[in-house]
Amino acid sequence: KELSALLARDQLVPIVHDTTYDDLREVSP
């Protein structure tokens, strides 16, 4: 729910830690 709200605005910075962007794209493109 937090992510949905943040994605709606242009003020979101992902910080990838102990995983990869490839893994992230599998769950949230």
mmCIF file of all heavy atoms, coordinates in Angstrom:
data_MODEL
# 
_entry.id   MODEL 
# 
loop_
_atom_site.group_PDB 
_atom_site.id 
_atom_site.type_symbol 
_atom_site.label_atom_id 
_atom_site.label_alt_id 
_atom_site.label_comp_id 
_atom_site.label_asym_id 
_atom_site.label_entity_id 
_atom_site.label_seq_id 
_atom_site.pdbx_PDB_ins_code 
_atom_site.Cartn_x 
_atom_site.Cartn_y 
_atom_site.Cartn_z 
_atom_site.occupancy 
_atom_site.B_iso_or_equiv 
_atom_site.pdbx_formal_charge 
_atom_site.auth_seq_id 
_atom_site.auth_comp_id 
_atom_site.auth_asym_id 
_atom_site.auth_atom_id 
_atom_site.pdbx_PDB_model_num 
ATOM 1   N N   . LYS A 1 1  ? 0.838  -1.210  0.000   1.00 0.00 ? 1  LYS A N   1 
ATOM 2   C CA  . LYS A 1 1  ? 0.000  0.000   0.000   1.00 0.00 ? 1  LYS A CA  1 
ATOM 3   C C   . LYS A 1 1  ? 0.871  1.257   0.000   1.00 0.00 ? 1  LYS A C   1 
ATOM 4   O O   . LYS A 1 1  ? 0.591  2.221   -0.718  1.00 0.00 ? 1  LYS A O   1 
ATOM 5   C CB  . LYS A 1 1  ? -0.938 -0.009  1.201   1.00 0.00 ? 1  LYS A CB  1 
ATOM 6   C CG  . LYS A 1 1  ? -2.034 -1.062  1.107   1.00 0.00 ? 1  LYS A CG  1 
ATOM 7   C CD  . LYS A 1 1  ? -2.818 -1.150  2.401   1.00 0.00 ? 1  LYS A CD  1 
ATOM 8   C CE  . LYS A 1 1  ? -3.934 -2.157  2.380   1.00 0.00 ? 1  LYS A CE  1 
ATOM 9   N NZ  . LYS A 1 1  ? -3.652 -3.445  1.804   1.00 0.00 ? 1  LYS A NZ  1 
ATOM 10  N N   . GLU A 1 2  ? 1.929  1.265   0.805   1.00 0.00 ? 2  GLU A N   1 
ATOM 11  C CA  . GLU A 1 2  ? 2.841  2.408   0.823   1.00 0.00 ? 2  GLU A CA  1 
ATOM 12  C C   . GLU A 1 2  ? 3.467  2.595   -0.558  1.00 0.00 ? 2  GLU A C   1 
ATOM 13  O O   . GLU A 1 2  ? 3.533  3.716   -1.073  1.00 0.00 ? 2  GLU A O   1 
ATOM 14  C CB  . GLU A 1 2  ? 3.959  2.188   1.846   1.00 0.00 ? 2  GLU A CB  1 
ATOM 15  C CG  . GLU A 1 2  ? 3.515  2.198   3.276   1.00 0.00 ? 2  GLU A CG  1 
ATOM 16  C CD  . GLU A 1 2  ? 4.619  1.798   4.238   1.00 0.00 ? 2  GLU A CD  1 
ATOM 17  O OE1 . GLU A 1 2  ? 5.710  1.379   3.810   1.00 0.00 ? 2  GLU A OE1 1 
ATOM 18  O OE2 . GLU A 1 2  ? 4.381  1.920   5.449   1.00 0.00 ? 2  GLU A OE2 1 
ATOM 19  N N   . LEU A 1 3  ? 3.912  1.492   -1.146  1.00 0.00 ? 3  LEU A N   1 
ATOM 20  C CA  . LEU A 1 3  ? 4.541  1.556   -2.458  1.00 0.00 ? 3  LEU A CA  1 
ATOM 21  C C   . LEU A 1 3  ? 3.581  2.103   -3.501  1.00 0.00 ? 3  LEU A C   1 
ATOM 22  O O   . LEU A 1 3  ? 3.954  2.930   -4.326  1.00 0.00 ? 3  LEU A O   1 
ATOM 23  C CB  . LEU A 1 3  ? 5.053  0.174   -2.865  1.00 0.00 ? 3  LEU A CB  1 
ATOM 24  C CG  . LEU A 1 3  ? 5.694  0.076   -4.242  1.00 0.00 ? 3  LEU A CG  1 
ATOM 25  C CD1 . LEU A 1 3  ? 6.873  1.038   -4.369  1.00 0.00 ? 3  LEU A CD1 1 
ATOM 26  C CD2 . LEU A 1 3  ? 6.139  -1.343  -4.524  1.00 0.00 ? 3  LEU A CD2 1 
ATOM 27  N N   . SER A 1 4  ? 2.337  1.672   -3.484  1.00 0.00 ? 4  SER A N   1 
ATOM 28  C CA  . SER A 1 4  ? 1.343  2.169   -4.446  1.00 0.00 ? 4  SER A CA  1 
ATOM 29  C C   . SER A 1 4  ? 1.193  3.682   -4.346  1.00 0.00 ? 4  SER A C   1 
ATOM 30  O O   . SER A 1 4  ? 1.139  4.376   -5.355  1.00 0.00 ? 4  SER A O   1 
ATOM 31  C CB  . SER A 1 4  ? -0.010 1.488   -4.212  1.00 0.00 ? 4  SER A CB  1 
ATOM 32  O OG  . SER A 1 4  ? 0.074  0.128   -4.511  1.00 0.00 ? 4  SER A OG  1 
ATOM 33  N N   . ALA A 1 5  ? 1.132  4.182   -3.117  1.00 0.00 ? 5  ALA A N   1 
ATOM 34  C CA  . ALA A 1 5  ? 1.003  5.631   -2.918  1.00 0.00 ? 5  ALA A CA  1 
ATOM 35  C C   . ALA A 1 5  ? 2.248  6.362   -3.420  1.00 0.00 ? 5  ALA A C   1 
ATOM 36  O O   . ALA A 1 5  ? 2.149  7.414   -4.059  1.00 0.00 ? 5  ALA A O   1 
ATOM 37  C CB  . ALA A 1 5  ? 0.758  5.944   -1.447  1.00 0.00 ? 5  ALA A CB  1 
ATOM 38  N N   . LEU A 1 6  ? 3.418  5.816   -3.147  1.00 0.00 ? 6  LEU A N   1 
ATOM 39  C CA  . LEU A 1 6  ? 4.664  6.463   -3.566  1.00 0.00 ? 6  LEU A CA  1 
ATOM 40  C C   . LEU A 1 6  ? 4.830  6.424   -5.089  1.00 0.00 ? 6  LEU A C   1 
ATOM 41  O O   . LEU A 1 6  ? 5.330  7.383   -5.682  1.00 0.00 ? 6  LEU A O   1 
ATOM 42  C CB  . LEU A 1 6  ? 5.857  5.801   -2.883  1.00 0.00 ? 6  LEU A CB  1 
ATOM 43  C CG  . LEU A 1 6  ? 5.949  6.024   -1.376  1.00 0.00 ? 6  LEU A CG  1 
ATOM 44  C CD1 . LEU A 1 6  ? 6.990  5.110   -0.764  1.00 0.00 ? 6  LEU A CD1 1 
ATOM 45  C CD2 . LEU A 1 6  ? 6.251  7.486   -1.069  1.00 0.00 ? 6  LEU A CD2 1 
ATOM 46  N N   . LEU A 1 7  ? 4.418  5.340   -5.717  1.00 0.00 ? 7  LEU A N   1 
ATOM 47  C CA  . LEU A 1 7  ? 4.537  5.234   -7.175  1.00 0.00 ? 7  LEU A CA  1 
ATOM 48  C C   . LEU A 1 7  ? 3.646  6.247   -7.891  1.00 0.00 ? 7  LEU A C   1 
ATOM 49  O O   . LEU A 1 7  ? 3.931  6.636   -9.018  1.00 0.00 ? 7  LEU A O   1 
ATOM 50  C CB  . LEU A 1 7  ? 4.192  3.820   -7.645  1.00 0.00 ? 7  LEU A CB  1 
ATOM 51  C CG  . LEU A 1 7  ? 5.268  2.770   -7.456  1.00 0.00 ? 7  LEU A CG  1 
ATOM 52  C CD1 . LEU A 1 7  ? 4.712  1.373   -7.692  1.00 0.00 ? 7  LEU A CD1 1 
ATOM 53  C CD2 . LEU A 1 7  ? 6.459  3.034   -8.366  1.00 0.00 ? 7  LEU A CD2 1 
ATOM 54  N N   . ALA A 1 8  ? 2.584  6.672   -7.241  1.00 0.00 ? 8  ALA A N   1 
ATOM 55  C CA  . ALA A 1 8  ? 1.665  7.624   -7.845  1.00 0.00 ? 8  ALA A CA  1 
ATOM 56  C C   . ALA A 1 8  ? 2.269  9.017   -7.981  1.00 0.00 ? 8  ALA A C   1 
ATOM 57  O O   . ALA A 1 8  ? 1.766  9.845   -8.741  1.00 0.00 ? 8  ALA A O   1 
ATOM 58  C CB  . ALA A 1 8  ? 0.374  7.695   -7.032  1.00 0.00 ? 8  ALA A CB  1 
ATOM 59  N N   . ARG A 1 9  ? 3.349  9.276   -7.255  1.00 0.00 ? 9  ARG A N   1 
ATOM 60  C CA  . ARG A 1 9  ? 4.000  10.588  -7.310  1.00 0.00 ? 9  ARG A CA  1 
ATOM 61  C C   . ARG A 1 9  ? 5.444  10.421  -7.758  1.00 0.00 ? 9  ARG A C   1 
ATOM 62  O O   . ARG A 1 9  ? 6.047  9.373   -7.596  1.00 0.00 ? 9  ARG A O   1 
ATOM 63  C CB  . ARG A 1 9  ? 3.957  11.249  -5.922  1.00 0.00 ? 9  ARG A CB  1 
ATOM 64  C CG  . ARG A 1 9  ? 2.547  11.477  -5.451  1.00 0.00 ? 9  ARG A CG  1 
ATOM 65  C CD  . ARG A 1 9  ? 2.505  12.272  -4.186  1.00 0.00 ? 9  ARG A CD  1 
ATOM 66  N NE  . ARG A 1 9  ? 2.837  11.418  -3.043  1.00 0.00 ? 9  ARG A NE  1 
ATOM 67  C CZ  . ARG A 1 9  ? 2.811  11.834  -1.796  1.00 0.00 ? 9  ARG A CZ  1 
ATOM 68  N NH1 . ARG A 1 9  ? 2.503  13.072  -1.513  1.00 0.00 ? 9  ARG A NH1 1 
ATOM 69  N NH2 . ARG A 1 9  ? 3.110  11.014  -0.810  1.00 0.00 ? 9  ARG A NH2 1 
ATOM 70  N N   . ASP A 1 10 ? 5.996  11.482  -8.300  1.00 0.00 ? 10 ASP A N   1 
ATOM 71  C CA  . ASP A 1 10 ? 7.373  11.433  -8.799  1.00 0.00 ? 10 ASP A CA  1 
ATOM 72  C C   . ASP A 1 10 ? 8.340  11.809  -7.681  1.00 0.00 ? 10 ASP A C   1 
ATOM 73  O O   . ASP A 1 10 ? 9.075  12.769  -7.774  1.00 0.00 ? 10 ASP A O   1 
ATOM 74  C CB  . ASP A 1 10 ? 7.529  12.381  -9.985  1.00 0.00 ? 10 ASP A CB  1 
ATOM 75  C CG  . ASP A 1 10 ? 8.704  11.999  -10.869 1.00 0.00 ? 10 ASP A CG  1 
ATOM 76  O OD1 . ASP A 1 10 ? 9.332  10.958  -10.619 1.00 0.00 ? 10 ASP A OD1 1 
ATOM 77  O OD2 . ASP A 1 10 ? 8.992  12.754  -11.804 1.00 0.00 ? 10 ASP A OD2 1 
ATOM 78  N N   . GLN A 1 11 ? 8.268  11.044  -6.598  1.00 0.00 ? 11 GLN A N   1 
ATOM 79  C CA  . GLN A 1 11 ? 9.126  11.342  -5.453  1.00 0.00 ? 11 GLN A CA  1 
ATOM 80  C C   . GLN A 1 11 ? 9.567  10.048  -4.784  1.00 0.00 ? 11 GLN A C   1 
ATOM 81  O O   . GLN A 1 11 ? 9.604  9.941   -3.567  1.00 0.00 ? 11 GLN A O   1 
ATOM 82  C CB  . GLN A 1 11 ? 8.420  12.271  -4.475  1.00 0.00 ? 11 GLN A CB  1 
ATOM 83  C CG  . GLN A 1 11 ? 7.153  11.694  -3.888  1.00 0.00 ? 11 GLN A CG  1 
ATOM 84  C CD  . GLN A 1 11 ? 6.425  12.684  -3.020  1.00 0.00 ? 11 GLN A CD  1 
ATOM 85  O OE1 . GLN A 1 11 ? 5.483  13.296  -3.482  1.00 0.00 ? 11 GLN A OE1 1 
ATOM 86  N NE2 . GLN A 1 11 ? 6.842  12.848  -1.798  1.00 0.00 ? 11 GLN A NE2 1 
ATOM 87  N N   . LEU A 1 12 ? 9.948  9.078   -5.596  1.00 0.00 ? 12 LEU A N   1 
ATOM 88  C CA  . LEU A 1 12 ? 10.270 7.758   -5.095  1.00 0.00 ? 12 LEU A CA  1 
ATOM 89  C C   . LEU A 1 12 ? 11.672 7.335   -5.514  1.00 0.00 ? 12 LEU A C   1 
ATOM 90  O O   . LEU A 1 12 ? 12.025 7.419   -6.686  1.00 0.00 ? 12 LEU A O   1 
ATOM 91  C CB  . LEU A 1 12 ? 9.253  6.744   -5.630  1.00 0.00 ? 12 LEU A CB  1 
ATOM 92  C CG  . LEU A 1 12 ? 9.493  5.281   -5.301  1.00 0.00 ? 12 LEU A CG  1 
ATOM 93  C CD1 . LEU A 1 12 ? 9.436  5.048   -3.809  1.00 0.00 ? 12 LEU A CD1 1 
ATOM 94  C CD2 . LEU A 1 12 ? 8.468  4.428   -6.006  1.00 0.00 ? 12 LEU A CD2 1 
ATOM 95  N N   . VAL A 1 13 ? 12.460 6.891   -4.536  1.00 0.00 ? 13 VAL A N   1 
ATOM 96  C CA  . VAL A 1 13 ? 13.811 6.407   -4.799  1.00 0.00 ? 13 VAL A CA  1 
ATOM 97  C C   . VAL A 1 13 ? 13.942 5.015   -4.196  1.00 0.00 ? 13 VAL A C   1 
ATOM 98  O O   . VAL A 1 13 ? 13.885 4.863   -2.974  1.00 0.00 ? 13 VAL A O   1 
ATOM 99  C CB  . VAL A 1 13 ? 14.882 7.337   -4.191  1.00 0.00 ? 13 VAL A CB  1 
ATOM 100 C CG1 . VAL A 1 13 ? 16.282 6.792   -4.464  1.00 0.00 ? 13 VAL A CG1 1 
ATOM 101 C CG2 . VAL A 1 13 ? 14.736 8.759   -4.706  1.00 0.00 ? 13 VAL A CG2 1 
ATOM 102 N N   . PRO A 1 14 ? 14.109 3.983   -5.034  1.00 0.00 ? 14 PRO A N   1 
ATOM 103 C CA  . PRO A 1 14 ? 14.368 2.658   -4.470  1.00 0.00 ? 14 PRO A CA  1 
ATOM 104 C C   . PRO A 1 14 ? 15.823 2.523   -4.023  1.00 0.00 ? 14 PRO A C   1 
ATOM 105 O O   . PRO A 1 14 ? 16.733 3.029   -4.676  1.00 0.00 ? 14 PRO A O   1 
ATOM 106 C CB  . PRO A 1 14 ? 14.061 1.703   -5.626  1.00 0.00 ? 14 PRO A CB  1 
ATOM 107 C CG  . PRO A 1 14 ? 14.119 2.524   -6.857  1.00 0.00 ? 14 PRO A CG  1 
ATOM 108 C CD  . PRO A 1 14 ? 13.922 3.954   -6.473  1.00 0.00 ? 14 PRO A CD  1 
ATOM 109 N N   . ILE A 1 15 ? 16.012 1.855   -2.887  1.00 0.00 ? 15 ILE A N   1 
ATOM 110 C CA  . ILE A 1 15 ? 17.341 1.533   -2.385  1.00 0.00 ? 15 ILE A CA  1 
ATOM 111 C C   . ILE A 1 15 ? 17.412 0.001   -2.363  1.00 0.00 ? 15 ILE A C   1 
ATOM 112 O O   . ILE A 1 15 ? 16.729 -0.636  -1.560  1.00 0.00 ? 15 ILE A O   1 
ATOM 113 C CB  . ILE A 1 15 ? 17.566 2.076   -0.953  1.00 0.00 ? 15 ILE A CB  1 
ATOM 114 C CG1 . ILE A 1 15 ? 17.209 3.561   -0.852  1.00 0.00 ? 15 ILE A CG1 1 
ATOM 115 C CG2 . ILE A 1 15 ? 18.988 1.790   -0.492  1.00 0.00 ? 15 ILE A CG2 1 
ATOM 116 C CD1 . ILE A 1 15 ? 17.986 4.474   -1.733  1.00 0.00 ? 15 ILE A CD1 1 
ATOM 117 N N   . VAL A 1 16 ? 18.197 -0.573  -3.255  1.00 0.00 ? 16 VAL A N   1 
ATOM 118 C CA  . VAL A 1 16 ? 18.298 -2.029  -3.351  1.00 0.00 ? 16 VAL A CA  1 
ATOM 119 C C   . VAL A 1 16 ? 19.396 -2.505  -2.404  1.00 0.00 ? 16 VAL A C   1 
ATOM 120 O O   . VAL A 1 16 ? 20.521 -2.004  -2.440  1.00 0.00 ? 16 VAL A O   1 
ATOM 121 C CB  . VAL A 1 16 ? 18.587 -2.448  -4.813  1.00 0.00 ? 16 VAL A CB  1 
ATOM 122 C CG1 . VAL A 1 16 ? 18.787 -3.941  -4.919  1.00 0.00 ? 16 VAL A CG1 1 
ATOM 123 C CG2 . VAL A 1 16 ? 17.442 -1.989  -5.719  1.00 0.00 ? 16 VAL A CG2 1 
ATOM 124 N N   . HIS A 1 17 ? 19.031 -3.466  -1.541  1.00 0.00 ? 17 HIS A N   1 
ATOM 125 C CA  . HIS A 1 17 ? 19.950 -3.959  -0.508  1.00 0.00 ? 17 HIS A CA  1 
ATOM 126 C C   . HIS A 1 17 ? 19.826 -5.483  -0.398  1.00 0.00 ? 17 HIS A C   1 
ATOM 127 O O   . HIS A 1 17 ? 18.729 -5.996  -0.157  1.00 0.00 ? 17 HIS A O   1 
ATOM 128 C CB  . HIS A 1 17 ? 19.610 -3.296  0.826   1.00 0.00 ? 17 HIS A CB  1 
ATOM 129 C CG  . HIS A 1 17 ? 20.454 -3.738  1.972   1.00 0.00 ? 17 HIS A CG  1 
ATOM 130 N ND1 . HIS A 1 17 ? 21.769 -3.355  2.115   1.00 0.00 ? 17 HIS A ND1 1 
ATOM 131 C CD2 . HIS A 1 17 ? 20.171 -4.527  3.027   1.00 0.00 ? 17 HIS A CD2 1 
ATOM 132 C CE1 . HIS A 1 17 ? 22.255 -3.898  3.220   1.00 0.00 ? 17 HIS A CE1 1 
ATOM 133 N NE2 . HIS A 1 17 ? 21.313 -4.622  3.792   1.00 0.00 ? 17 HIS A NE2 1 
ATOM 134 N N   . ASP A 1 18 ? 20.923 -6.181  -0.582  1.00 0.00 ? 18 ASP A N   1 
ATOM 135 C CA  . ASP A 1 18 ? 20.960 -7.649  -0.483  1.00 0.00 ? 18 ASP A CA  1 
ATOM 136 C C   . ASP A 1 18 ? 20.052 -8.352  -1.483  1.00 0.00 ? 18 ASP A C   1 
ATOM 137 O O   . ASP A 1 18 ? 19.588 -9.463  -1.238  1.00 0.00 ? 18 ASP A O   1 
ATOM 138 C CB  . ASP A 1 18 ? 20.629 -8.128  0.936   1.00 0.00 ? 18 ASP A CB  1 
ATOM 139 C CG  . ASP A 1 18 ? 21.752 -7.832  1.924   1.00 0.00 ? 18 ASP A CG  1 
ATOM 140 O OD1 . ASP A 1 18 ? 22.894 -7.584  1.474   1.00 0.00 ? 18 ASP A OD1 1 
ATOM 141 O OD2 . ASP A 1 18 ? 21.490 -7.840  3.133   1.00 0.00 ? 18 ASP A OD2 1 
ATOM 142 N N   . THR A 1 19 ? 19.744 -7.687  -2.585  1.00 0.00 ? 19 THR A N   1 
ATOM 143 C CA  . THR A 1 19 ? 18.982 -8.281  -3.681  1.00 0.00 ? 19 THR A CA  1 
ATOM 144 C C   . THR A 1 19 ? 19.383 -7.544  -4.959  1.00 0.00 ? 19 THR A C   1 
ATOM 145 O O   . THR A 1 19 ? 20.338 -6.774  -4.945  1.00 0.00 ? 19 THR A O   1 
ATOM 146 C CB  . THR A 1 19 ? 17.461 -8.228  -3.406  1.00 0.00 ? 19 THR A CB  1 
ATOM 147 O OG1 . THR A 1 19 ? 16.778 -9.015  -4.380  1.00 0.00 ? 19 THR A OG1 1 
ATOM 148 C CG2 . THR A 1 19 ? 16.914 -6.815  -3.390  1.00 0.00 ? 19 THR A CG2 1 
ATOM 149 N N   . THR A 1 20 ? 18.679 -7.769  -6.045  1.00 0.00 ? 20 THR A N   1 
ATOM 150 C CA  . THR A 1 20 ? 19.038 -7.146  -7.324  1.00 0.00 ? 20 THR A CA  1 
ATOM 151 C C   . THR A 1 20 ? 17.821 -6.483  -7.959  1.00 0.00 ? 20 THR A C   1 
ATOM 152 O O   . THR A 1 20 ? 16.674 -6.787  -7.601  1.00 0.00 ? 20 THR A O   1 
ATOM 153 C CB  . THR A 1 20 ? 19.583 -8.196  -8.311  1.00 0.00 ? 20 THR A CB  1 
ATOM 154 O OG1 . THR A 1 20 ? 18.514 -9.100  -8.650  1.00 0.00 ? 20 THR A OG1 1 
ATOM 155 C CG2 . THR A 1 20 ? 20.760 -8.955  -7.728  1.00 0.00 ? 20 THR A CG2 1 
ATOM 156 N N   . TYR A 1 21 ? 18.092 -5.621  -8.926  1.00 0.00 ? 21 TYR A N   1 
ATOM 157 C CA  . TYR A 1 21 ? 17.002 -5.018  -9.686  1.00 0.00 ? 21 TYR A CA  1 
ATOM 158 C C   . TYR A 1 21 ? 16.253 -6.077  -10.485 1.00 0.00 ? 21 TYR A C   1 
ATOM 159 O O   . TYR A 1 21 ? 15.038 -5.976  -10.666 1.00 0.00 ? 21 TYR A O   1 
ATOM 160 C CB  . TYR A 1 21 ? 17.522 -3.906  -10.602 1.00 0.00 ? 21 TYR A CB  1 
ATOM 161 C CG  . TYR A 1 21 ? 17.511 -2.559  -9.921  1.00 0.00 ? 21 TYR A CG  1 
ATOM 162 C CD1 . TYR A 1 21 ? 18.644 -2.078  -9.280  1.00 0.00 ? 21 TYR A CD1 1 
ATOM 163 C CD2 . TYR A 1 21 ? 16.367 -1.777  -9.893  1.00 0.00 ? 21 TYR A CD2 1 
ATOM 164 C CE1 . TYR A 1 21 ? 18.630 -0.856  -8.634  1.00 0.00 ? 21 TYR A CE1 1 
ATOM 165 C CE2 . TYR A 1 21 ? 16.343 -0.557  -9.260  1.00 0.00 ? 21 TYR A CE2 1 
ATOM 166 C CZ  . TYR A 1 21 ? 17.479 -0.093  -8.628  1.00 0.00 ? 21 TYR A CZ  1 
ATOM 167 O OH  . TYR A 1 21 ? 17.453 1.112   -7.987  1.00 0.00 ? 21 TYR A OH  1 
ATOM 168 N N   . ASP A 1 22 ? 16.944 -7.113  -10.951 1.00 0.00 ? 22 ASP A N   1 
ATOM 169 C CA  . ASP A 1 22 ? 16.263 -8.200  -11.663 1.00 0.00 ? 22 ASP A CA  1 
ATOM 170 C C   . ASP A 1 22 ? 15.235 -8.868  -10.759 1.00 0.00 ? 22 ASP A C   1 
ATOM 171 O O   . ASP A 1 22 ? 14.105 -9.133  -11.179 1.00 0.00 ? 22 ASP A O   1 
ATOM 172 C CB  . ASP A 1 22 ? 17.266 -9.229  -12.187 1.00 0.00 ? 22 ASP A CB  1 
ATOM 173 C CG  . ASP A 1 22 ? 18.087 -8.704  -13.359 1.00 0.00 ? 22 ASP A CG  1 
ATOM 174 O OD1 . ASP A 1 22 ? 17.627 -7.756  -14.042 1.00 0.00 ? 22 ASP A OD1 1 
ATOM 175 O OD2 . ASP A 1 22 ? 19.190 -9.238  -13.581 1.00 0.00 ? 22 ASP A OD2 1 
ATOM 176 N N   . ASP A 1 23 ? 15.621 -9.152  -9.511  1.00 0.00 ? 23 ASP A N   1 
ATOM 177 C CA  . ASP A 1 23 ? 14.677 -9.746  -8.555  1.00 0.00 ? 23 ASP A CA  1 
ATOM 178 C C   . ASP A 1 23 ? 13.501 -8.803  -8.302  1.00 0.00 ? 23 ASP A C   1 
ATOM 179 O O   . ASP A 1 23 ? 12.348 -9.239  -8.208  1.00 0.00 ? 23 ASP A O   1 
ATOM 180 C CB  . ASP A 1 23 ? 15.373 -10.058 -7.229  1.00 0.00 ? 23 ASP A CB  1 
ATOM 181 C CG  . ASP A 1 23 ? 16.390 -11.182 -7.347  1.00 0.00 ? 23 ASP A CG  1 
ATOM 182 O OD1 . ASP A 1 23 ? 16.308 -11.982 -8.303  1.00 0.00 ? 23 ASP A OD1 1 
ATOM 183 O OD2 . ASP A 1 23 ? 17.289 -11.252 -6.474  1.00 0.00 ? 23 ASP A OD2 1 
ATOM 184 N N   . LEU A 1 24 ? 13.785 -7.516  -8.195  1.00 0.00 ? 24 LEU A N   1 
ATOM 185 C CA  . LEU A 1 24 ? 12.735 -6.519  -7.973  1.00 0.00 ? 24 LEU A CA  1 
ATOM 186 C C   . LEU A 1 24 ? 11.759 -6.479  -9.138  1.00 0.00 ? 24 LEU A C   1 
ATOM 187 O O   . LEU A 1 24 ? 10.537 -6.457  -8.937  1.00 0.00 ? 24 LEU A O   1 
ATOM 188 C CB  . LEU A 1 24 ? 13.362 -5.138  -7.743  1.00 0.00 ? 24 LEU A CB  1 
ATOM 189 C CG  . LEU A 1 24 ? 12.399 -3.960  -7.638  1.00 0.00 ? 24 LEU A CG  1 
ATOM 190 C CD1 . LEU A 1 24 ? 11.378 -4.175  -6.528  1.00 0.00 ? 24 LEU A CD1 1 
ATOM 191 C CD2 . LEU A 1 24 ? 13.181 -2.671  -7.438  1.00 0.00 ? 24 LEU A CD2 1 
ATOM 192 N N   . ARG A 1 25 ? 12.271 -6.491  -10.367 1.00 0.00 ? 25 ARG A N   1 
ATOM 193 C CA  . ARG A 1 25 ? 11.397 -6.430  -11.544 1.00 0.00 ? 25 ARG A CA  1 
ATOM 194 C C   . ARG A 1 25 ? 10.476 -7.644  -11.643 1.00 0.00 ? 25 ARG A C   1 
ATOM 195 O O   . ARG A 1 25 ? 9.393  -7.556  -12.209 1.00 0.00 ? 25 ARG A O   1 
ATOM 196 C CB  . ARG A 1 25 ? 12.227 -6.262  -12.809 1.00 0.00 ? 25 ARG A CB  1 
ATOM 197 C CG  . ARG A 1 25 ? 12.724 -4.827  -12.998 1.00 0.00 ? 25 ARG A CG  1 
ATOM 198 C CD  . ARG A 1 25 ? 13.389 -4.624  -14.347 1.00 0.00 ? 25 ARG A CD  1 
ATOM 199 N NE  . ARG A 1 25 ? 14.759 -5.095  -14.366 1.00 0.00 ? 25 ARG A NE  1 
ATOM 200 C CZ  . ARG A 1 25 ? 15.812 -4.414  -13.932 1.00 0.00 ? 25 ARG A CZ  1 
ATOM 201 N NH1 . ARG A 1 25 ? 15.650 -3.201  -13.452 1.00 0.00 ? 25 ARG A NH1 1 
ATOM 202 N NH2 . ARG A 1 25 ? 17.020 -4.917  -13.991 1.00 0.00 ? 25 ARG A NH2 1 
ATOM 203 N N   . GLU A 1 26 ? 10.894 -8.761  -11.055 1.00 0.00 ? 26 GLU A N   1 
ATOM 204 C CA  . GLU A 1 26 ? 10.038 -9.955  -11.042 1.00 0.00 ? 26 GLU A CA  1 
ATOM 205 C C   . GLU A 1 26 ? 8.791  -9.752  -10.168 1.00 0.00 ? 26 GLU A C   1 
ATOM 206 O O   . GLU A 1 26 ? 7.750  -10.348 -10.412 1.00 0.00 ? 26 GLU A O   1 
ATOM 207 C CB  . GLU A 1 26 ? 10.813 -11.171 -10.534 1.00 0.00 ? 26 GLU A CB  1 
ATOM 208 C CG  . GLU A 1 26 ? 11.886 -11.660 -11.468 1.00 0.00 ? 26 GLU A CG  1 
ATOM 209 C CD  . GLU A 1 26 ? 11.319 -12.236 -12.756 1.00 0.00 ? 26 GLU A CD  1 
ATOM 210 O OE1 . GLU A 1 26 ? 10.309 -12.973 -12.696 1.00 0.00 ? 26 GLU A OE1 1 
ATOM 211 O OE2 . GLU A 1 26 ? 11.891 -11.939 -13.828 1.00 0.00 ? 26 GLU A OE2 1 
ATOM 212 N N   . VAL A 1 27 ? 8.911  -8.912  -9.145  1.00 0.00 ? 27 VAL A N   1 
ATOM 213 C CA  . VAL A 1 27 ? 7.820  -8.679  -8.199  1.00 0.00 ? 27 VAL A CA  1 
ATOM 214 C C   . VAL A 1 27 ? 7.086  -7.377  -8.496  1.00 0.00 ? 27 VAL A C   1 
ATOM 215 O O   . VAL A 1 27 ? 5.863  -7.303  -8.384  1.00 0.00 ? 27 VAL A O   1 
ATOM 216 C CB  . VAL A 1 27 ? 8.369  -8.665  -6.747  1.00 0.00 ? 27 VAL A CB  1 
ATOM 217 C CG1 . VAL A 1 27 ? 7.289  -8.313  -5.748  1.00 0.00 ? 27 VAL A CG1 1 
ATOM 218 C CG2 . VAL A 1 27 ? 8.999  -10.006 -6.413  1.00 0.00 ? 27 VAL A CG2 1 
ATOM 219 N N   . SER A 1 28 ? 7.835  -6.336  -8.874  1.00 0.00 ? 28 SER A N   1 
ATOM 220 C CA  . SER A 1 28 ? 7.244  -5.023  -9.136  1.00 0.00 ? 28 SER A CA  1 
ATOM 221 C C   . SER A 1 28 ? 7.936  -4.364  -10.326 1.00 0.00 ? 28 SER A C   1 
ATOM 222 O O   . SER A 1 28 ? 8.911  -3.620  -10.153 1.00 0.00 ? 28 SER A O   1 
ATOM 223 C CB  . SER A 1 28 ? 7.369  -4.129  -7.893  1.00 0.00 ? 28 SER A CB  1 
ATOM 224 O OG  . SER A 1 28 ? 6.864  -2.835  -8.182  1.00 0.00 ? 28 SER A OG  1 
ATOM 225 N N   . PRO A 1 29 ? 7.432  -4.617  -11.534 1.00 0.00 ? 29 PRO A N   1 
ATOM 226 C CA  . PRO A 1 29 ? 8.044  -3.992  -12.713 1.00 0.00 ? 29 PRO A CA  1 
ATOM 227 C C   . PRO A 1 29 ? 8.040  -2.464  -12.641 1.00 0.00 ? 29 PRO A C   1 
ATOM 228 O O   . PRO A 1 29 ? 8.989  -1.828  -13.104 1.00 0.00 ? 29 PRO A O   1 
ATOM 229 C CB  . PRO A 1 29 ? 7.187  -4.494  -13.878 1.00 0.00 ? 29 PRO A CB  1 
ATOM 230 C CG  . PRO A 1 29 ? 6.563  -5.753  -13.383 1.00 0.00 ? 29 PRO A CG  1 
ATOM 231 C CD  . PRO A 1 29 ? 6.373  -5.555  -11.908 1.00 0.00 ? 29 PRO A CD  1 
# 
